[in-house]
C-alpha atoms as a PDB file:
ATOM      1  CA  GLY A   1      -0.062   0.495   0.143  1.00  0.00           C
ATOM      2  CA  VAL A   2       0.791   3.923  -0.623  1.00  0.00           C
ATOM      3  CA  ILE A   3       0.328   6.492   2.928  1.00  0.00           C
ATOM      4  CA  VAL A   4       0.113  10.179   2.241  1.00  0.00           C
ATOM      5  CA  VAL A   5       1.198  12.069   5.305  1.00  0.00           C
ATOM      6  CA  ASP A   6      -0.193  15.703   5.793  1.00  0.00           C
ATOM      7  CA  GLU A   7       2.751  17.880   6.628  1.00  0.00           C
ATOM      8  CA  ASP A   8       1.321  18.647  10.327  1.00  0.00           C
ATOM      9  CA  TYR A   9       1.847  14.609  10.674  1.00  0.00           C
ATOM     10  CA  LYS A  10       5.736  14.629   9.729  1.00  0.00           C
ATOM     11  CA  TYR A  11       6.843  14.485  13.117  1.00  0.00           C
ATOM     12  CA  ARG A  12       4.520  11.420  14.651  1.00  0.00           C
ATOM     13  CA  LYS A  13       4.146   7.837  14.607  1.00  0.00           C
ATOM     14  CA  VAL A  14       1.481   6.464  12.034  1.00  0.00           C
ATOM     15  CA  PHE A  15       0.266   2.577  12.645  1.00  0.00           C
ATOM     16  CA  GLY A  16      -1.611   0.764   9.932  1.00  0.00           C
ATOM     17  CA  GLN A  17      -3.957  -2.462  11.155  1.00  0.00           C
ATOM     18  CA  VAL A  18      -5.129  -5.121   9.517  1.00  0.00           C
ATOM     19  CA  VAL A  19      -8.613  -6.280  10.809  1.00  0.00           C
ATOM     20  CA  CYS A  20     -10.962  -8.712   9.241  1.00  0.00           C
ATOM     21  CA  SER A  21     -14.894  -8.117  10.778  1.00  0.00           C
ATOM     22  CA  PHE A  22     -16.857 -10.951  10.543  1.00  0.00           C
ATOM     23  CA  ARG A  23     -20.738 -10.132  10.355  1.00  0.00           C
ATOM     24  CA  TYR A  24     -23.528 -12.955  11.032  1.00  0.00           C
ATOM     25  CA  GLY A  25     -27.148 -12.769  11.975  1.00  0.00           C
ATOM     26  CA  ARG A  26     -30.244 -10.959  10.470  1.00  0.00           C
ATOM     27  CA  GLU A  27     -30.394  -7.355   9.128  1.00  0.00           C
ATOM     28  CA  GLU A  28     -33.447  -7.097  11.020  1.00  0.00           C
ATOM     29  CA  ASP A  29     -31.603  -7.499  14.440  1.00  0.00           C
ATOM     30  CA  GLU A  30     -29.048  -4.992  13.364  1.00  0.00           C
ATOM     31  CA  VAL A  31     -31.704  -2.040  13.117  1.00  0.00           C
ATOM     32  CA  MET A  32     -33.225  -2.983  16.648  1.00  0.00           C
ATOM     33  CA  GLY A  33     -29.579  -2.505  18.258  1.00  0.00           C
ATOM     34  CA  LEU A  34     -28.450  -5.876  18.279  1.00  0.00           C
ATOM     35  CA  ASN A  35     -24.635  -6.039  16.983  1.00  0.00           C
ATOM     36  CA  PHE A  36     -23.838  -9.418  15.651  1.00  0.00           C
ATOM     37  CA  GLN A  37     -20.345  -8.840  14.606  1.00  0.00           C
ATOM     38  CA  LYS A  38     -16.980 -10.417  15.825  1.00  0.00           C
ATOM     39  CA  ASP A  39     -13.216  -9.068  15.123  1.00  0.00           C
ATOM     40  CA  LEU A  40      -9.854 -10.369  14.193  1.00  0.00           C
ATOM     41  CA  TYR A  41      -7.034  -8.358  14.680  1.00  0.00           C
ATOM     42  CA  LEU A  42      -4.222  -9.987  12.349  1.00  0.00           C
ATOM     43  CA  VAL A  43      -1.475  -7.211  12.129  1.00  0.00           C
ATOM     44  CA  SER A  44      -0.644  -4.081  13.577  1.00  0.00           C
ATOM     45  CA  GLU A  45       2.520  -2.302  12.463  1.00  0.00           C
ATOM     46  CA  GLN A  46       4.188   1.276  11.989  1.00  0.00           C
ATOM     47  CA  VAL A  47       3.691   2.575   8.460  1.00  0.00           C
ATOM     48  CA  PHE A  48       5.454   5.824   9.376  1.00  0.00           C
ATOM     49  CA  PRO A  49       8.251   6.810   9.351  1.00  0.00           C
ATOM     50  CA  PRO A  50       9.384   3.838   7.322  1.00  0.00           C
ATOM     51  CA  PRO A  51      10.959   1.762   9.483  1.00  0.00           C
ATOM     52  CA  GLU A  52      13.596   0.635   6.474  1.00  0.00           C
ATOM     53  CA  LYS A  53      14.421   1.365   2.908  1.00  0.00           C
ATOM     54  CA  GLN A  54      12.110  -1.352   1.136  1.00  0.00           C
ATOM     55  CA  THR A  55      11.144  -2.712  -2.269  1.00  0.00           C
ATOM     56  CA  THR A  56       8.199  -1.286  -4.279  1.00  0.00           C
ATOM     57  CA  THR A  57       5.969  -3.118  -6.170  1.00  0.00           C
ATOM     58  CA  LYS A  58       5.130  -1.503  -9.700  1.00  0.00           C
ATOM     59  CA  LEU A  59       1.874  -0.286  -8.312  1.00  0.00           C
ATOM     60  CA  GLN A  60       3.324   1.254  -5.454  1.00  0.00           C
ATOM     61  CA  ASP A  61       6.000   3.152  -7.598  1.00  0.00           C
ATOM     62  CA  ARG A  62       3.028   4.695 -10.305  1.00  0.00           C
ATOM     63  CA  LEU A  63       1.004   5.556  -6.461  1.00  0.00           C
ATOM     64  CA  LEU A  64       4.211   7.331  -5.388  1.00  0.00           C
ATOM     65  CA  ARG A  65       4.730   8.806  -8.587  1.00  0.00           C
ATOM     66  CA  LYS A  66       0.995  10.337  -8.736  1.00  0.00           C
ATOM     67  CA  LEU A  67       0.835  11.130  -5.160  1.00  0.00           C
ATOM     68  CA  GLY A  68       3.732  13.437  -4.408  1.00  0.00           C
ATOM     69  CA  ALA A  69       6.728  13.524  -2.357  1.00  0.00           C
ATOM     70  CA  ASN A  70       4.201  13.281   1.017  1.00  0.00           C
ATOM     71  CA  ALA A  71       3.578   9.294  -0.624  1.00  0.00           C
ATOM     72  CA  TYR A  72       5.247   6.655   1.645  1.00  0.00           C
ATOM     73  CA  PRO A  73       4.874   2.916   0.657  1.00  0.00           C
ATOM     74  CA  PHE A  74       4.219   0.025   3.122  1.00  0.00           C
ATOM     75  CA  THR A  75       3.730  -3.584   3.507  1.00  0.00           C
ATOM     76  CA  PHE A  76       1.611  -5.789   6.043  1.00  0.00           C
ATOM     77  CA  THR A  77       3.401  -9.561   6.234  1.00  0.00           C
ATOM     78  CA  LEU A  78       0.658 -11.475   7.646  1.00  0.00           C
ATOM     79  CA  PRO A  79       1.575 -14.014  10.280  1.00  0.00           C
ATOM     80  CA  ALA A  80       1.831 -17.622   9.516  1.00  0.00           C
ATOM     81  CA  SER A  81      -0.500 -18.776  12.421  1.00  0.00           C
ATOM     82  CA  SER A  82      -3.182 -16.760  10.333  1.00  0.00           C
ATOM     83  CA  PRO A  83      -6.362 -18.507   9.631  1.00  0.00           C
ATOM     84  CA  ALA A  84      -6.812 -19.745   6.283  1.00  0.00           C
ATOM     85  CA  SER A  85     -10.898 -20.147   7.384  1.00  0.00           C
ATOM     86  CA  VAL A  86     -13.067 -19.497  10.143  1.00  0.00           C
ATOM     87  CA  MET A  87     -16.218 -21.098  12.186  1.00  0.00           C
ATOM     88  CA  LEU A  88     -18.560 -18.361  14.168  1.00  0.00           C
ATOM     89  CA  GLN A  89     -19.779 -19.539  17.222  1.00  0.00           C
ATOM     90  CA  PRO A  90     -22.567 -17.106  18.698  1.00  0.00           C
END
């Protein structure tokens, strides 16, 4: 991915997360205020300032040229223990 950082945030740290939200149940129940959702937090990493120089993909290169000097590339590496599938039990 590519993040664009505003000038006001140049001296702050920016973190990114990969979160899977699983929704289940009926839509009518959600209108009544019931929430049927489970969240799975997979990765949380610092994306700015960039921790080190990294290789970029063709898409990231094109976005970096288009978005200008305030754009920075980042990648997330999912852990090996990430599930391939999930079964929800309310």
